[in-house]
Amino acid sequence: LKTHLFHLYPSLFPFSVSGLIVKGPSGPLVAPLGSSVVLPCSVDELLSVKDLEVEWRRTDPETLVHLYQDGESRPEVQQQDYRDRAHFFTDQIQRGNFSLRLDNLRAEDKGQYKCKVYIQQESGETAVEIKVNVGDIPLSFQTLGSRDETLEQDTEPQLIRCVFMVTFPIRFLGAKGK
């Protein structure tokens, strides 16, 4: 499964700060709601994990999505919204692969992310944009009136108040259960 996900993003572009060249995708990643998406981030050289720190953050609010520090993944410091959903491929870190898998994609996950890599005196970063595809099937619902409404897939998310009315028969028994 990992191999197939990486083949979805073959063209990576490098970005360098202070000498470390970090590669990311050349364009936005588009994934359906509820799916998993891999945010690519890598370097070409093998690195020692001893002094390595990798930080994934959102850029809209400076939210910590995930952190790799002191030779291990640190899920306890990540933002609660990403707990149990954002994962490093820890077996690939030493090979220079700092990609992040984000599971159960939500509409609010769309936006810009940054992968920042620090090793000793060098650092580098790359940016990744996620676009969430809400699906190809328009949603239909019936309002309290009698007309049908349709939400187009390319519209902004909207809050829809739903009221369900359920009817089922109830039989009343007398004092003696009859």
Protein backbone atom coordinates (compact mmCIF):
# COMPACT_ATOMS: atom_id res chain seq x y z
CA LEU A 1 0.00 0.00 0.00
CA LYS A 2 2.79 2.44 0.85
CA THR A 3 4.44 1.92 -2.53
CA HIS A 4 1.26 2.74 -4.43
CA LEU A 5 0.67 5.90 -2.44
CA PHE A 6 4.17 7.18 -3.19
CA HIS A 7 3.73 6.57 -6.91
CA LEU A 8 0.86 9.05 -6.90
CA TYR A 9 3.36 11.89 -6.39
CA PRO A 10 6.35 11.20 -8.64
CA SER A 11 7.34 14.78 -9.43
CA LEU A 12 8.87 16.36 -6.36
CA PHE A 13 10.49 19.77 -6.15
CA PRO A 14 13.39 20.62 -3.85
CA PHE A 15 13.45 23.50 -1.38
CA SER A 16 16.52 24.39 0.64
CA VAL A 17 17.16 26.50 3.73
CA SER A 18 20.72 26.57 5.12
CA GLY A 19 21.98 23.80 2.84
CA LEU A 20 19.59 20.88 3.48
CA ILE A 21 17.53 20.12 0.34
CA VAL A 22 14.03 18.93 1.27
CA LYS A 23 11.72 17.63 -1.46
CA GLY A 24 7.93 17.83 -1.58
CA PRO A 25 5.15 17.59 -4.19
CA SER A 26 5.12 19.88 -7.23
CA GLY A 27 1.41 20.64 -6.82
CA PRO A 28 -1.55 20.26 -4.48
CA LEU A 29 -2.69 16.85 -3.27
CA VAL A 30 -6.36 16.08 -3.92
CA ALA A 31 -7.98 13.31 -1.89
CA PRO A 32 -11.56 12.30 -1.08
CA LEU A 33 -13.20 12.94 2.26
CA GLY A 34 -12.60 10.08 4.72
CA SER A 35 -9.58 8.68 2.84
CA SER A 36 -5.89 8.58 3.71
CA VAL A 37 -3.37 10.85 2.01
CA VAL A 38 0.43 10.84 2.08
CA LEU A 39 2.11 14.24 2.38
CA PRO A 40 5.52 13.73 0.73
CA CYS A 41 8.67 15.11 2.37
CA SER A 42 12.15 13.69 1.80
CA VAL A 43 15.87 14.26 1.39
CA ASP A 44 18.21 12.28 -0.85
CA GLU A 45 20.89 11.50 1.72
CA LEU A 46 20.85 9.03 4.59
CA LEU A 47 20.66 10.83 7.92
CA SER A 48 21.56 9.97 11.48
CA VAL A 49 18.44 10.13 13.63
CA LYS A 50 20.54 11.22 16.61
CA ASP A 51 20.21 14.98 16.09
CA LEU A 52 17.26 14.85 13.69
CA GLU A 53 14.02 16.75 14.21
CA VAL A 54 11.11 16.72 11.74
CA GLU A 55 8.15 18.97 12.30
CA TRP A 56 4.88 18.93 10.33
CA ARG A 57 2.74 22.05 10.85
CA ARG A 58 -0.27 23.68 9.27
CA THR A 59 0.50 27.16 8.02
CA ASP A 60 -2.97 28.73 8.39
CA PRO A 61 -2.97 28.46 12.17
CA GLU A 62 0.50 27.38 13.29
CA THR A 63 -0.79 23.98 14.38
CA LEU A 64 1.61 21.13 15.19
CA VAL A 65 0.40 18.15 13.17
CA HIS A 66 3.23 15.77 14.14
CA LEU A 67 6.79 15.77 15.47
CA TYR A 68 9.75 13.39 15.19
CA GLN A 69 12.38 14.17 17.82
CA ASP A 70 15.09 12.36 19.79
CA GLY A 71 14.84 9.29 17.54
CA GLU A 72 11.10 8.76 17.91
CA SER A 73 7.67 9.86 16.81
CA ARG A 74 6.11 12.17 19.43
CA PRO A 75 2.30 11.87 19.15
CA GLU A 76 1.79 13.21 22.68
CA VAL A 77 2.71 16.76 21.58
CA GLN A 78 0.60 16.93 18.44
CA GLN A 79 -2.66 18.89 18.20
CA GLN A 80 -5.61 16.82 19.44
CA ASP A 81 -7.37 16.94 16.01
CA TYR A 82 -4.49 14.97 14.50
CA ARG A 83 -3.97 12.42 17.27
CA ASP A 84 -4.36 8.86 15.91
CA ARG A 85 -4.72 10.29 12.36
CA ALA A 86 -1.22 11.61 11.50
CA HIS A 87 1.63 9.09 11.28
CA PHE A 88 5.26 9.03 10.17
CA PHE A 89 6.66 6.04 8.32
CA THR A 90 9.16 5.54 11.16
CA ASP A 91 10.97 2.70 9.38
CA GLN A 92 11.74 5.13 6.53
CA ILE A 93 13.02 8.11 8.57
CA GLN A 94 16.69 7.03 8.51
CA ARG A 95 16.46 6.72 4.71
CA GLY A 96 15.42 10.37 4.44
CA ASN A 97 11.67 9.82 4.04
CA PHE A 98 9.74 12.13 6.38
CA SER A 99 6.39 11.77 4.63
CA LEU A 100 3.29 11.92 6.78
CA ARG A 101 0.17 9.77 6.36
CA LEU A 102 -3.02 11.57 7.33
CA ASP A 103 -5.96 9.19 7.87
CA ASN A 104 -9.71 9.82 7.86
CA LEU A 105 -9.39 13.07 5.88
CA ARG A 106 -11.81 15.78 7.05
CA ALA A 107 -13.05 18.88 5.23
CA GLU A 108 -11.17 21.04 7.74
CA ASP A 109 -7.87 19.33 6.78
CA LYS A 110 -7.71 21.31 3.53
CA GLY A 111 -4.98 23.93 3.45
CA GLN A 112 -1.21 24.42 3.56
CA TYR A 113 1.21 22.25 5.54
CA LYS A 114 4.97 22.58 6.08
CA CYS A 115 7.51 19.84 6.66
CA LYS A 116 10.56 21.30 8.45
CA VAL A 117 13.69 19.19 8.84
CA TYR A 118 16.48 20.10 11.27
CA ILE A 119 19.77 18.22 11.62
CA GLN A 120 22.68 19.71 13.55
CA GLN A 121 23.28 23.18 12.03
CA GLU A 122 21.30 22.56 8.82
CA SER A 123 17.60 22.89 8.12
CA GLY A 124 15.22 22.76 5.20
CA GLU A 125 11.51 22.72 4.53
CA THR A 126 8.89 22.02 1.92
CA ALA A 127 5.24 22.99 1.59
CA VAL A 128 2.28 20.73 0.82
CA GLU A 129 -1.28 21.78 -0.02
CA ILE A 130 -4.22 19.46 0.59
CA LYS A 131 -7.49 19.85 -1.29
CA VAL A 132 -10.35 17.71 -0.02
CA ASN A 133 -12.73 16.33 -2.63
CA VAL A 134 -16.14 15.86 -1.04
CA GLY A 135 -17.18 13.36 -3.71
CA ASP A 136 -18.69 13.08 -7.14
CA ILE A 137 -22.27 12.48 -6.05
CA PRO A 138 -24.35 15.58 -5.21
CA LEU A 139 -26.15 15.38 -1.88
CA SER A 140 -29.94 15.56 -2.06
CA PHE A 141 -32.26 16.17 0.82
CA GLN A 142 -35.84 17.19 1.39
CA THR A 143 -36.57 20.34 3.39
CA LEU A 144 -39.47 20.72 5.78
CA GLY A 145 -41.31 22.17 2.81
CA SER A 146 -41.97 20.09 -0.25
CA ARG A 147 -39.10 21.14 -2.54
CA ASP A 148 -35.83 19.25 -3.12
CA GLU A 149 -32.46 20.98 -2.67
CA THR A 150 -29.12 19.85 -4.09
CA LEU A 151 -25.65 20.79 -2.86
CA GLU A 152 -23.09 20.94 -5.65
CA GLN A 153 -19.75 19.29 -4.92
CA ASP A 154 -17.68 22.43 -5.60
CA THR A 155 -19.50 24.67 -3.12
CA GLU A 156 -18.15 25.62 0.28
CA PRO A 157 -19.28 23.39 3.17
CA GLN A 158 -22.50 24.58 4.79
CA LEU A 159 -24.24 23.72 8.02
CA ILE A 160 -27.55 21.98 7.40
CA ARG A 161 -29.98 21.51 10.26
CA CYS A 162 -31.72 18.14 9.93
CA VAL A 163 -34.82 17.10 11.81
CA PHE A 164 -35.87 13.46 11.71
CA MET A 165 -39.44 12.48 12.47
CA VAL A 166 -39.96 8.81 13.15
CA THR A 167 -43.31 7.16 13.71
CA PHE A 168 -43.88 3.70 15.07
CA PRO A 169 -46.92 1.98 16.58
CA ILE A 170 -47.33 1.79 20.34
CA ARG A 171 -49.78 -0.56 21.97
CA PHE A 172 -51.07 0.37 25.42
CA LEU A 173 -51.74 -2.48 27.77
CA GLY A 174 -54.27 -2.32 30.56
CA ALA A 175 -53.42 -2.63 34.24
CA LYS A 176 -53.37 -6.44 33.96
CA GLY A 177 -51.17 -6.41 30.80
CA LYS A 178 -54.08 -7.05 28.41
